[in-house]
Each structure stands twice: as structure tokens, then as C-alpha cells.
């Protein structure tokens, strides 16, 4: 019975999140922005250049099915964690996300200012979107480099600690500290 209740909670949370995503997707967006990114309220939306039907928005189900299995599992785990959080924890996460978004906005504005470019709203939106996209790639690459370097150095660290804490024949641990190898950075 408890498992069914848990399943219902997850399905309900996923449905609410999917509805929110669909609502956000249907909101007017700045042209050139990433798909699914809602434009900040900076004025009325620009007039459509053509009078044809709006581009089709993929359904929530289509978007879910287009996710790789690992992304679906991550989403499901996050949804389950979210349902277990207290309202205070949720508010803290929302505040952190708002701070993160504000920091990204400040840094994006600074990058545009530093570039010396004077862009109209559409080009500015494209610049911001591209800056965020490329920066995300850079940050992901740096995280991978750090993880790779960490994995290289951990065996030496373990070896040093093994020597440091190796038991003496008398049964006690050695008290002499051993200097750890430097990473050379």
C-alpha cells in the first residue's frame, strides 16, 4: 500500500511539473532564446513577422520520450526528492536557484558590455543564449578535468595514507606524519 502511495506521489509530481513545463513552453519567448526558456518580462512580446500558424510545441509526452533514459532517471529521482522535502527546504532551493539565475544574468550582461557590441533586442537575446550555452560547455569541461585529475591523484593519496597509518609490529599505528605529494599546480 505504501508503495502505491509513493507511486501516486511521483506521478502527481511529474504531472504537475509536466504541466508547468508545458505552460512555460506556451508562454511568449524572446526570439533566438533557447527552447523552453521563458523570456523575462521586459515589455510586450515582439510582433510576429508572419501570420501563419504558430510552430508546433511538442507535447509533454513527446518531450519526456525524447529524453535519454539517464535523464529520465535523474528527473524521476529529483521529483521524488522534491516530494520528500519540507516547504522550508523547497523555499531554500528556490532562493538558491533565483540567486544562481541572477548571477548568470549579471555575468551575461557583463560579457555583453565587455564585448563592446551594441545589439538590438533580438541579437542581444541570441548573444545571451549563446553565451550561456557556451559557458555551460566550458564549465562542464572544467568539471571533467578536475574529476580526471582527482582520480589520478587519489591512488597516490591512498598509498600515502596507507603508509602513514600502517600498523607497527607492536600493534599501534605510526604517529609520524608523512608529507603528501604536491599536485604541481
Protein backbone atom coordinates (compact mmCIF):
# COMPACT_ATOMS: atom_id res chain seq x y z
CA UNK A 1 0.00 0.00 0.00
CA UNK A 2 2.84 2.37 0.88
CA UNK A 3 4.48 1.70 -2.48
CA UNK A 4 1.24 2.62 -4.30
CA UNK A 5 1.03 5.88 -2.34
CA UNK A 6 4.64 6.65 -3.24
CA UNK A 7 3.94 5.92 -6.90
CA UNK A 8 0.91 8.19 -6.84
CA UNK A 9 3.02 10.99 -5.32
CA UNK A 10 5.68 10.61 -8.02
CA UNK A 11 3.12 10.52 -10.81
CA UNK A 12 1.33 13.55 -9.37
CA UNK A 13 4.60 15.46 -9.05
CA UNK A 14 5.62 14.55 -12.58
CA UNK A 15 2.21 15.62 -13.87
CA UNK A 16 2.43 18.96 -12.09
CA UNK A 17 5.96 19.50 -13.35
CA UNK A 18 4.97 18.49 -16.88
CA UNK A 19 2.04 20.91 -16.77
CA UNK A 20 4.35 23.65 -15.56
CA UNK A 21 6.80 22.87 -18.39
CA UNK A 22 4.00 22.92 -20.94
CA UNK A 23 2.73 26.22 -19.57
CA UNK A 24 6.23 27.71 -19.66
CA UNK A 25 6.68 26.40 -23.20
CA UNK A 26 3.44 28.04 -24.32
CA UNK A 27 4.44 31.43 -22.86
CA UNK A 28 5.81 34.02 -25.30
CA UNK A 29 9.54 33.72 -25.73
CA UNK A 30 12.19 36.11 -26.89
CA UNK A 31 13.20 35.12 -30.36
CA UNK A 32 16.57 33.44 -30.55
CA UNK A 33 16.27 32.12 -27.00
CA UNK A 34 16.61 28.52 -26.06
CA UNK A 35 13.56 26.34 -26.41
CA UNK A 36 11.69 26.17 -23.15
CA UNK A 37 13.25 29.33 -21.74
CA UNK A 38 10.64 31.89 -20.80
CA UNK A 39 11.54 35.45 -21.63
CA UNK A 40 11.79 37.87 -18.72
CA UNK A 41 9.01 40.42 -18.52
CA UNK A 42 10.80 43.33 -20.17
CA UNK A 43 7.96 44.62 -22.30
CA UNK A 44 5.41 43.44 -24.78
CA UNK A 45 6.34 40.49 -26.97
CA UNK A 46 7.58 41.39 -30.44
CA UNK A 47 5.07 41.23 -33.26
CA UNK A 48 5.14 38.03 -35.31
CA UNK A 49 6.78 38.55 -38.70
CA UNK A 50 4.30 36.26 -40.42
CA UNK A 51 0.68 35.42 -39.89
CA UNK A 52 0.97 31.64 -40.30
CA UNK A 53 0.13 29.15 -37.57
CA UNK A 54 2.49 29.15 -34.58
CA UNK A 55 5.20 26.50 -34.62
CA UNK A 56 4.07 23.26 -33.05
CA UNK A 57 5.09 22.80 -29.45
CA UNK A 58 5.99 19.22 -28.60
CA UNK A 59 3.67 17.66 -26.07
CA UNK A 60 4.92 16.84 -22.62
CA UNK A 61 4.82 13.17 -23.51
CA UNK A 62 6.93 13.73 -26.64
CA UNK A 63 9.44 15.75 -24.67
CA UNK A 64 9.59 13.05 -21.97
CA UNK A 65 10.10 10.33 -24.56
CA UNK A 66 12.83 12.35 -26.27
CA UNK A 67 14.90 12.40 -23.06
CA UNK A 68 17.66 9.82 -22.79
CA UNK A 69 16.97 7.11 -20.17
CA UNK A 70 19.60 8.52 -17.79
CA UNK A 71 17.94 11.95 -17.91
CA UNK A 72 14.57 10.37 -17.19
CA UNK A 73 16.00 8.57 -14.17
CA UNK A 74 17.61 11.78 -12.91
CA UNK A 75 14.33 13.62 -13.34
CA UNK A 76 12.41 10.92 -11.51
CA UNK A 77 14.92 10.87 -8.63
CA UNK A 78 14.78 14.65 -8.36
CA UNK A 79 10.97 14.60 -8.40
CA UNK A 80 10.94 12.03 -5.61
CA UNK A 81 13.41 14.10 -3.57
CA UNK A 82 11.29 17.20 -4.14
CA UNK A 83 8.15 15.45 -2.83
CA UNK A 84 10.02 14.41 0.33
CA UNK A 85 11.27 17.95 1.04
CA UNK A 86 9.66 20.21 3.58
CA UNK A 87 8.27 23.55 2.38
CA UNK A 88 11.26 25.30 4.01
CA UNK A 89 13.73 23.15 2.06
CA UNK A 90 11.86 23.84 -1.16
CA UNK A 91 11.97 27.57 -0.50
CA UNK A 92 15.71 27.40 0.15
CA UNK A 93 16.25 25.62 -3.16
CA UNK A 94 14.06 28.17 -4.97
CA UNK A 95 16.06 31.02 -3.41
CA UNK A 96 19.35 29.39 -4.42
CA UNK A 97 18.10 28.97 -7.98
CA UNK A 98 16.97 32.61 -8.08
CA UNK A 99 20.40 33.72 -6.86
CA UNK A 100 22.09 31.50 -9.44
CA UNK A 101 19.91 32.91 -12.23
CA UNK A 102 20.64 36.47 -11.08
CA UNK A 103 24.38 35.72 -11.07
CA UNK A 104 24.20 34.29 -14.60
CA UNK A 105 22.24 37.36 -15.74
CA UNK A 106 24.85 39.72 -14.24
CA UNK A 107 27.72 37.80 -15.82
CA UNK A 108 25.95 37.64 -19.19
CA UNK A 109 25.33 41.39 -19.10
CA UNK A 110 28.99 41.97 -18.19
CA UNK A 111 30.13 39.77 -21.09
CA UNK A 112 27.95 41.73 -23.50
CA UNK A 113 29.22 45.02 -22.09
CA UNK A 114 32.85 43.83 -22.28
CA UNK A 115 32.35 42.77 -25.90
CA UNK A 116 31.59 46.38 -26.85
CA UNK A 117 28.72 45.27 -29.07
CA UNK A 118 25.57 47.35 -29.45
CA UNK A 119 22.81 44.89 -30.30
CA UNK A 120 19.09 45.16 -30.88
CA UNK A 121 16.84 43.10 -28.60
CA UNK A 122 16.74 40.06 -30.90
CA UNK A 123 20.53 39.91 -31.36
CA UNK A 124 21.04 40.57 -27.65
CA UNK A 125 18.81 37.62 -26.85
CA UNK A 126 20.79 35.45 -29.25
CA UNK A 127 24.07 36.63 -27.71
CA UNK A 128 22.81 35.86 -24.18
CA UNK A 129 21.55 32.43 -25.17
CA UNK A 130 24.79 31.54 -26.94
CA UNK A 131 26.93 32.89 -24.09
CA UNK A 132 25.05 30.77 -21.56
CA UNK A 133 25.23 27.70 -23.80
CA UNK A 134 28.97 28.03 -24.45
CA UNK A 135 29.73 28.87 -20.84
CA UNK A 136 27.88 25.75 -19.73
CA UNK A 137 30.11 23.71 -22.07
CA UNK A 138 33.23 25.34 -20.64
CA UNK A 139 32.13 24.69 -17.06
CA UNK A 140 31.27 21.08 -17.85
CA UNK A 141 34.70 20.57 -19.42
CA UNK A 142 36.39 22.10 -16.38
CA UNK A 143 34.42 19.84 -14.04
CA UNK A 144 35.51 16.83 -16.10
CA UNK A 145 39.15 17.96 -15.99
CA UNK A 146 39.00 18.37 -12.23
CA UNK A 147 37.41 14.94 -11.80
CA UNK A 148 40.01 13.34 -14.08
CA UNK A 149 42.85 14.99 -12.14
CA UNK A 150 41.28 13.95 -8.84
CA UNK A 151 41.01 10.33 -9.97
CA UNK A 152 44.70 10.37 -10.99
CA UNK A 153 45.83 11.68 -7.61
CA UNK A 154 43.60 9.62 -5.31
CA UNK A 155 45.63 6.37 -5.60
CA UNK A 156 48.80 8.22 -4.52
CA UNK A 157 46.89 9.79 -1.62
CA UNK A 158 45.57 6.41 -0.53
CA UNK A 159 49.06 4.93 -0.75
CA UNK A 160 50.50 7.75 1.37
CA UNK A 161 47.77 7.35 3.96
CA UNK A 162 48.25 3.60 3.98
CA UNK A 163 51.95 4.12 4.78
CA UNK A 164 51.13 6.74 7.42
CA UNK A 165 48.54 4.63 9.19
CA UNK A 166 50.14 1.22 8.66
CA UNK A 167 50.17 -0.80 11.82
CA UNK A 168 53.52 -1.31 13.52
CA UNK A 169 54.56 -4.78 14.64
CA UNK A 170 53.67 -3.79 18.23
CA UNK A 171 50.02 -3.26 17.24
CA UNK A 172 49.96 0.55 17.39
CA UNK A 173 49.61 2.95 14.49
CA UNK A 174 52.55 5.07 13.49
CA UNK A 175 52.37 8.63 14.75
CA UNK A 176 54.83 10.12 12.28
CA UNK A 177 53.07 12.32 9.68
CA UNK A 178 54.06 11.80 6.08
CA UNK A 179 54.05 14.75 3.67
CA UNK A 180 51.52 14.23 0.87
CA UNK A 181 52.68 14.65 -2.75
CA UNK A 182 52.09 18.06 -4.31
CA UNK A 183 49.87 18.27 -7.39
CA UNK A 184 52.22 20.71 -9.13
CA UNK A 185 49.55 23.34 -9.73
